[in-house]
Amino acid sequence: MGKRIKVYYSVLRWTAFPLLILMWFALMSGPATFKSDLVRKWTLGLINPAAAGKLHSVWLPPVTGLVFYVHVTMGFLVIVNRLKWLKPKIVWEVVSFLVGSFGLLQFFGLYYG
């Protein structure tokens, strides 16, 4: 296994758990906060509808988007390296990286634009 593929797997492992936590926060600060009082009780009142709205719409999207696009791009790079029929690998890796980078730039452009 090459050095690049080890880096891709490492980034995938390091972004998987934070992505899970961020998605959980997105669910808890979104629909769950407004539909039940249980979340408010579990968080000792820290996540009320006002705080949840700010967390859900201001703080979570940029962080979640960044982690998501890094995770997906590394996943595509692993797929490119595993497919035997894709030749030359480096061209496909560059294309995958550029598509992932374009997606991230597009996300931030739409979010902050």
Protein backbone atom coordinates (compact mmCIF):
# COMPACT_ATOMS: atom_id res chain seq x y z
CA MET A 1 0.00 0.00 0.00
CA GLY A 2 1.38 3.40 -1.00
CA LYS A 3 1.97 6.33 1.30
CA ARG A 4 -0.88 8.32 -0.23
CA ILE A 5 -3.47 5.59 0.33
CA LYS A 6 -2.34 5.32 3.98
CA VAL A 7 -2.94 9.06 4.35
CA TYR A 8 -6.40 8.70 2.74
CA TYR A 9 -7.36 5.90 5.14
CA SER A 10 -6.00 7.86 8.07
CA VAL A 11 -8.05 10.93 7.18
CA LEU A 12 -11.14 8.75 6.71
CA ARG A 13 -10.66 7.25 10.17
CA TRP A 14 -10.07 10.66 11.77
CA THR A 15 -13.11 12.29 10.16
CA ALA A 16 -15.64 9.48 10.62
CA PHE A 17 -16.30 9.94 14.34
CA PRO A 18 -16.41 13.78 14.29
CA LEU A 19 -18.81 13.56 11.35
CA LEU A 20 -21.04 11.22 13.36
CA ILE A 21 -20.99 13.60 16.34
CA LEU A 22 -21.69 16.66 14.16
CA MET A 23 -24.63 14.93 12.48
CA TRP A 24 -25.98 13.95 15.90
CA PHE A 25 -25.73 17.58 17.03
CA ALA A 26 -27.50 18.65 13.85
CA LEU A 27 -30.37 16.28 14.57
CA MET A 28 -30.55 17.24 18.25
CA SER A 29 -30.38 20.97 17.59
CA GLY A 30 -32.81 20.83 14.69
CA PRO A 31 -36.05 18.89 14.72
CA ALA A 32 -35.59 17.24 18.12
CA THR A 33 -35.36 20.52 20.03
CA PHE A 34 -38.55 21.94 18.64
CA LYS A 35 -40.60 18.75 18.81
CA SER A 36 -39.91 17.61 22.35
CA ASP A 37 -39.03 18.91 25.77
CA LEU A 38 -36.93 15.81 26.37
CA VAL A 39 -33.82 17.26 24.69
CA ARG A 40 -34.12 20.39 26.81
CA LYS A 41 -34.32 18.25 29.96
CA TRP A 42 -31.39 16.03 28.90
CA THR A 43 -29.16 19.03 28.28
CA LEU A 44 -30.26 20.76 31.51
CA GLY A 45 -31.79 23.60 29.54
CA LEU A 46 -28.61 24.42 27.61
CA ILE A 47 -30.18 23.57 24.29
CA ASN A 48 -33.38 25.57 24.15
CA PRO A 49 -35.01 26.58 20.85
CA ALA A 50 -33.04 29.86 20.63
CA ALA A 51 -29.64 28.29 21.31
CA ALA A 52 -30.49 25.30 19.11
CA GLY A 53 -31.45 27.56 16.22
CA LYS A 54 -28.15 29.41 16.42
CA LEU A 55 -26.17 26.18 16.77
CA HIS A 56 -28.07 24.52 13.94
CA SER A 57 -27.99 27.37 11.45
CA VAL A 58 -24.78 29.28 12.28
CA TRP A 59 -22.14 27.06 13.88
CA LEU A 60 -22.80 23.52 12.66
CA PRO A 61 -23.08 23.93 8.86
CA PRO A 62 -19.56 25.23 8.12
CA VAL A 63 -17.85 22.72 10.40
CA THR A 64 -20.02 19.82 9.25
CA GLY A 65 -19.60 20.82 5.60
CA LEU A 66 -15.82 20.95 5.90
CA VAL A 67 -15.57 17.58 7.65
CA PHE A 68 -18.10 16.05 5.23
CA TYR A 69 -16.30 17.17 2.08
CA VAL A 70 -12.88 16.10 3.40
CA HIS A 71 -14.32 12.70 4.35
CA VAL A 72 -16.07 12.21 0.99
CA THR A 73 -13.04 13.34 -1.02
CA MET A 74 -10.76 10.92 0.82
CA GLY A 75 -13.34 8.17 0.29
CA PHE A 76 -13.34 8.82 -3.46
CA LEU A 77 -9.54 8.77 -3.48
CA VAL A 78 -9.59 5.36 -1.76
CA ILE A 79 -12.09 4.10 -4.35
CA VAL A 80 -9.90 5.37 -7.19
CA ASN A 81 -6.90 3.54 -5.74
CA ARG A 82 -8.83 0.28 -5.30
CA LEU A 83 -10.27 0.09 -8.81
CA LYS A 84 -7.79 -1.80 -10.95
CA TRP A 85 -9.20 -0.69 -14.32
CA LEU A 86 -8.71 3.05 -13.68
CA LYS A 87 -5.46 4.09 -15.34
CA PRO A 88 -3.47 6.31 -14.75
CA LYS A 89 -4.24 6.50 -11.04
CA ILE A 90 -2.62 9.88 -10.43
CA VAL A 91 -4.87 11.58 -13.01
CA TRP A 92 -7.99 10.14 -11.37
CA GLU A 93 -6.70 11.12 -7.94
CA VAL A 94 -6.17 14.71 -9.10
CA VAL A 95 -9.63 14.78 -10.70
CA SER A 96 -11.23 13.39 -7.51
CA PHE A 97 -9.37 15.91 -5.38
CA LEU A 98 -10.38 18.79 -7.65
CA VAL A 99 -14.04 17.72 -7.69
CA GLY A 100 -14.02 17.47 -3.87
CA SER A 101 -12.34 20.87 -3.57
CA PHE A 102 -14.84 22.39 -6.00
CA GLY A 103 -17.70 20.95 -3.95
CA LEU A 104 -16.26 22.44 -0.77
CA LEU A 105 -15.76 25.84 -2.41
CA GLN A 106 -19.28 25.71 -3.81
CA PHE A 107 -20.69 24.84 -0.38
CA PHE A 108 -18.90 27.72 1.34
CA GLY A 109 -19.77 30.08 -1.52
CA LEU A 110 -23.45 29.24 -1.20
CA TYR A 111 -23.39 29.27 2.61
CA TYR A 112 -21.60 32.59 3.01
CA GLY A 113 -22.71 34.21 -0.25
